[in-house]
């Protein structure tokens, strides 16, 4: 939908490549806007997330990464 609107505004054909148009207009595609908002949220709320080194004391190369919880689908569906 976003590409269709950009093509209509700029006059590009339906088969034309849109990446250059997005760069020219300085607009992020919708998926990248979503990713950016998630990254900003995590950065601003770092204190609400656990780091792997807080879970265990083993010094690994991933100890500074955020801890990902394992999800059991049945529990989350309920």
N, C-alpha and C. Protein backbone atom coordinates (compact mmCIF):
# COMPACT_ATOMS: atom_id res chain seq x y z
N UNK A 1 0.84 -1.18 0.00
CA UNK A 1 0.00 0.00 0.00
C UNK A 1 0.89 1.26 0.00
N UNK A 2 1.94 1.24 0.84
CA UNK A 2 2.83 2.39 0.92
C UNK A 2 3.53 2.62 -0.42
N UNK A 3 3.97 1.55 -1.06
CA UNK A 3 4.62 1.67 -2.37
C UNK A 3 3.66 2.21 -3.41
N UNK A 4 2.42 1.79 -3.35
CA UNK A 4 1.42 2.26 -4.30
C UNK A 4 1.21 3.76 -4.17
N UNK A 5 1.15 4.24 -2.93
CA UNK A 5 0.97 5.68 -2.69
C UNK A 5 2.19 6.46 -3.18
N UNK A 6 3.39 5.96 -2.89
CA UNK A 6 4.62 6.62 -3.33
C UNK A 6 4.68 6.67 -4.85
N UNK A 7 4.31 5.58 -5.51
CA UNK A 7 4.31 5.56 -6.98
C UNK A 7 3.30 6.54 -7.54
N UNK A 8 2.14 6.65 -6.91
CA UNK A 8 1.12 7.58 -7.38
C UNK A 8 1.57 9.03 -7.23
N UNK A 9 2.19 9.35 -6.08
CA UNK A 9 2.64 10.72 -5.84
C UNK A 9 3.76 11.12 -6.80
N UNK A 10 4.71 10.20 -7.01
CA UNK A 10 5.87 10.53 -7.83
C UNK A 10 5.67 10.28 -9.31
N UNK A 11 4.63 9.54 -9.68
CA UNK A 11 4.36 9.27 -11.09
C UNK A 11 5.13 8.09 -11.65
N UNK A 12 5.68 7.24 -10.78
CA UNK A 12 6.39 6.05 -11.24
C UNK A 12 5.39 4.98 -11.67
N UNK A 13 5.84 4.10 -12.56
CA UNK A 13 4.99 3.00 -13.02
C UNK A 13 4.90 1.93 -11.94
N UNK A 14 3.94 1.02 -12.09
CA UNK A 14 3.71 0.00 -11.07
C UNK A 14 4.85 -1.01 -10.99
N UNK A 15 5.63 -1.15 -12.05
CA UNK A 15 6.73 -2.13 -12.07
C UNK A 15 8.08 -1.50 -11.75
N UNK A 16 8.13 -0.20 -11.49
CA UNK A 16 9.39 0.47 -11.21
C UNK A 16 9.89 0.15 -9.81
N UNK A 17 11.20 0.19 -9.65
CA UNK A 17 11.86 -0.09 -8.38
C UNK A 17 11.69 1.11 -7.45
N UNK A 18 11.25 0.87 -6.20
CA UNK A 18 10.89 1.97 -5.29
C UNK A 18 11.98 2.37 -4.31
N UNK A 19 13.02 1.58 -4.14
CA UNK A 19 14.02 1.88 -3.12
C UNK A 19 14.66 3.25 -3.33
N UNK A 20 14.95 3.59 -4.56
CA UNK A 20 15.57 4.89 -4.83
C UNK A 20 14.60 6.03 -4.54
N UNK A 21 13.31 5.79 -4.77
CA UNK A 21 12.31 6.82 -4.49
C UNK A 21 12.19 7.05 -2.99
N UNK A 22 12.23 5.98 -2.20
CA UNK A 22 12.19 6.12 -0.75
C UNK A 22 13.40 6.90 -0.25
N UNK A 23 14.57 6.62 -0.80
CA UNK A 23 15.78 7.35 -0.41
C UNK A 23 15.69 8.81 -0.82
N UNK A 24 15.18 9.07 -2.01
CA UNK A 24 15.06 10.44 -2.51
C UNK A 24 14.10 11.26 -1.64
N UNK A 25 12.98 10.65 -1.24
CA UNK A 25 11.99 11.35 -0.42
C UNK A 25 12.31 11.29 1.07
N UNK A 26 13.38 10.54 1.44
CA UNK A 26 13.80 10.36 2.83
C UNK A 26 12.67 9.79 3.69
N UNK A 27 12.06 8.71 3.17
CA UNK A 27 10.97 8.02 3.85
C UNK A 27 11.42 6.58 4.10
N UNK A 28 11.19 6.09 5.31
CA UNK A 28 11.47 4.69 5.61
C UNK A 28 10.27 3.84 5.20
N UNK A 29 10.51 2.67 4.62
CA UNK A 29 9.40 1.74 4.38
C UNK A 29 8.76 1.34 5.71
N UNK A 30 7.53 0.89 5.64
CA UNK A 30 6.75 0.60 6.84
C UNK A 30 7.43 -0.41 7.76
N UNK A 31 8.01 -1.47 7.21
CA UNK A 31 8.68 -2.47 8.03
C UNK A 31 9.87 -1.86 8.78
N UNK A 32 10.64 -1.01 8.11
CA UNK A 32 11.78 -0.38 8.77
C UNK A 32 11.33 0.65 9.81
N UNK A 33 10.20 1.31 9.60
CA UNK A 33 9.65 2.22 10.61
C UNK A 33 9.29 1.45 11.87
N UNK A 34 8.69 0.27 11.68
CA UNK A 34 8.33 -0.58 12.82
C UNK A 34 9.58 -1.04 13.57
N UNK A 35 10.60 -1.46 12.84
CA UNK A 35 11.84 -1.91 13.48
C UNK A 35 12.51 -0.76 14.24
N UNK A 36 12.51 0.41 13.66
CA UNK A 36 13.10 1.57 14.32
C UNK A 36 12.36 1.91 15.60
N UNK A 37 11.03 1.86 15.58
CA UNK A 37 10.27 2.16 16.79
C UNK A 37 10.54 1.12 17.89
N UNK A 38 10.71 -0.15 17.51
CA UNK A 38 11.04 -1.18 18.50
C UNK A 38 12.42 -0.94 19.10
N UNK A 39 13.39 -0.61 18.26
CA UNK A 39 14.74 -0.34 18.76
C UNK A 39 14.77 0.87 19.69
N UNK A 40 14.03 1.91 19.35
CA UNK A 40 13.97 3.09 20.20
C UNK A 40 13.32 2.74 21.54
N UNK A 41 12.26 1.92 21.51
CA UNK A 41 11.61 1.51 22.74
C UNK A 41 12.57 0.73 23.64
N UNK A 42 13.29 -0.23 23.07
CA UNK A 42 14.22 -1.04 23.86
C UNK A 42 15.34 -0.16 24.40
N UNK A 43 15.84 0.75 23.60
CA UNK A 43 16.92 1.63 24.05
C UNK A 43 16.46 2.52 25.20
N UNK A 44 15.26 3.06 25.11
CA UNK A 44 14.74 3.95 26.16
C UNK A 44 14.31 3.21 27.41
N UNK A 45 14.06 1.91 27.32
CA UNK A 45 13.59 1.11 28.46
C UNK A 45 14.53 -0.04 28.77
N UNK A 46 15.83 0.20 28.67
CA UNK A 46 16.82 -0.86 28.91
C UNK A 46 16.72 -1.44 30.31
N UNK A 47 16.29 -0.64 31.28
CA UNK A 47 16.20 -1.12 32.65
C UNK A 47 15.09 -2.15 32.85
N UNK A 48 14.16 -2.28 31.91
CA UNK A 48 13.06 -3.24 32.02
C UNK A 48 13.40 -4.60 31.43
N UNK A 49 14.59 -4.72 30.82
CA UNK A 49 14.99 -5.97 30.20
C UNK A 49 16.16 -6.57 30.96
N UNK A 50 16.23 -7.90 30.99
CA UNK A 50 17.33 -8.60 31.63
C UNK A 50 18.46 -8.84 30.64
N UNK A 51 19.68 -8.84 31.14
CA UNK A 51 20.85 -9.14 30.33
C UNK A 51 21.29 -10.56 30.71
N UNK A 52 21.88 -11.27 29.77
CA UNK A 52 22.28 -12.66 30.02
C UNK A 52 23.21 -12.79 31.22
N UNK A 53 24.06 -11.82 31.46
CA UNK A 53 24.97 -11.90 32.61
C UNK A 53 24.22 -11.77 33.94
N UNK A 54 23.00 -11.24 33.93
CA UNK A 54 22.19 -11.19 35.16
C UNK A 54 21.53 -12.53 35.45
N UNK A 55 21.39 -13.38 34.45
CA UNK A 55 20.74 -14.68 34.60
C UNK A 55 21.74 -15.72 35.10
N UNK A 56 22.94 -15.72 34.51
CA UNK A 56 23.97 -16.67 34.92
C UNK A 56 25.32 -15.97 34.96
N UNK A 57 26.26 -16.54 35.68
CA UNK A 57 27.57 -15.92 35.88
C UNK A 57 28.65 -16.47 34.95
N UNK A 58 28.26 -17.17 33.92
CA UNK A 58 29.23 -17.72 32.98
C UNK A 58 29.64 -16.60 32.02
N UNK A 59 30.94 -16.40 31.86
CA UNK A 59 31.44 -15.35 30.99
C UNK A 59 31.49 -15.87 29.56
N UNK A 60 30.48 -15.54 28.78
CA UNK A 60 30.41 -15.95 27.38
C UNK A 60 30.40 -14.72 26.49
N UNK A 61 30.52 -14.93 25.18
CA UNK A 61 30.51 -13.79 24.27
C UNK A 61 29.12 -13.16 24.15
N UNK A 62 28.09 -13.85 24.61
CA UNK A 62 26.72 -13.32 24.55
C UNK A 62 26.25 -12.80 25.91
N UNK A 63 27.13 -12.64 26.84
CA UNK A 63 26.72 -12.24 28.19
C UNK A 63 26.18 -10.81 28.24
N UNK A 64 26.52 -9.97 27.27
CA UNK A 64 26.03 -8.59 27.26
C UNK A 64 24.74 -8.43 26.46
N UNK A 65 24.27 -9.52 25.83
CA UNK A 65 23.04 -9.45 25.04
C UNK A 65 21.81 -9.47 25.95
N UNK A 66 20.69 -9.00 25.41
CA UNK A 66 19.43 -9.08 26.14
C UNK A 66 19.01 -10.54 26.25
N UNK A 67 18.42 -10.88 27.39
CA UNK A 67 17.97 -12.25 27.64
C UNK A 67 16.63 -12.46 26.95
N UNK A 68 16.56 -13.48 26.10
CA UNK A 68 15.32 -13.82 25.41
C UNK A 68 14.61 -14.92 26.19
N UNK A 69 13.37 -14.67 26.54
CA UNK A 69 12.61 -15.67 27.26
C UNK A 69 12.14 -16.75 26.29
N UNK A 70 12.19 -17.99 26.74
CA UNK A 70 11.64 -19.06 25.90
C UNK A 70 10.12 -19.06 26.06
N UNK A 71 9.42 -19.13 24.95
CA UNK A 71 7.97 -19.01 24.97
C UNK A 71 7.33 -20.37 24.72
N UNK A 72 6.43 -20.75 25.61
CA UNK A 72 5.60 -21.93 25.40
C UNK A 72 4.30 -21.43 24.79
N UNK A 73 4.01 -21.83 23.57
CA UNK A 73 2.88 -21.28 22.83
C UNK A 73 1.55 -21.47 23.55
N UNK A 74 1.35 -22.63 24.20
CA UNK A 74 0.09 -22.89 24.89
C UNK A 74 -0.15 -21.87 26.01
N UNK A 75 0.88 -21.52 26.74
CA UNK A 75 0.73 -20.57 27.84
C UNK A 75 0.36 -19.19 27.31
N UNK A 76 1.01 -18.77 26.25
CA UNK A 76 0.73 -17.43 25.69
C UNK A 76 -0.62 -17.37 25.01
N UNK A 77 -1.12 -18.46 24.50
CA UNK A 77 -2.44 -18.46 23.88
C UNK A 77 -3.54 -18.31 24.94
N UNK A 78 -3.30 -18.86 26.13
CA UNK A 78 -4.30 -18.76 27.19
C UNK A 78 -4.29 -17.37 27.76
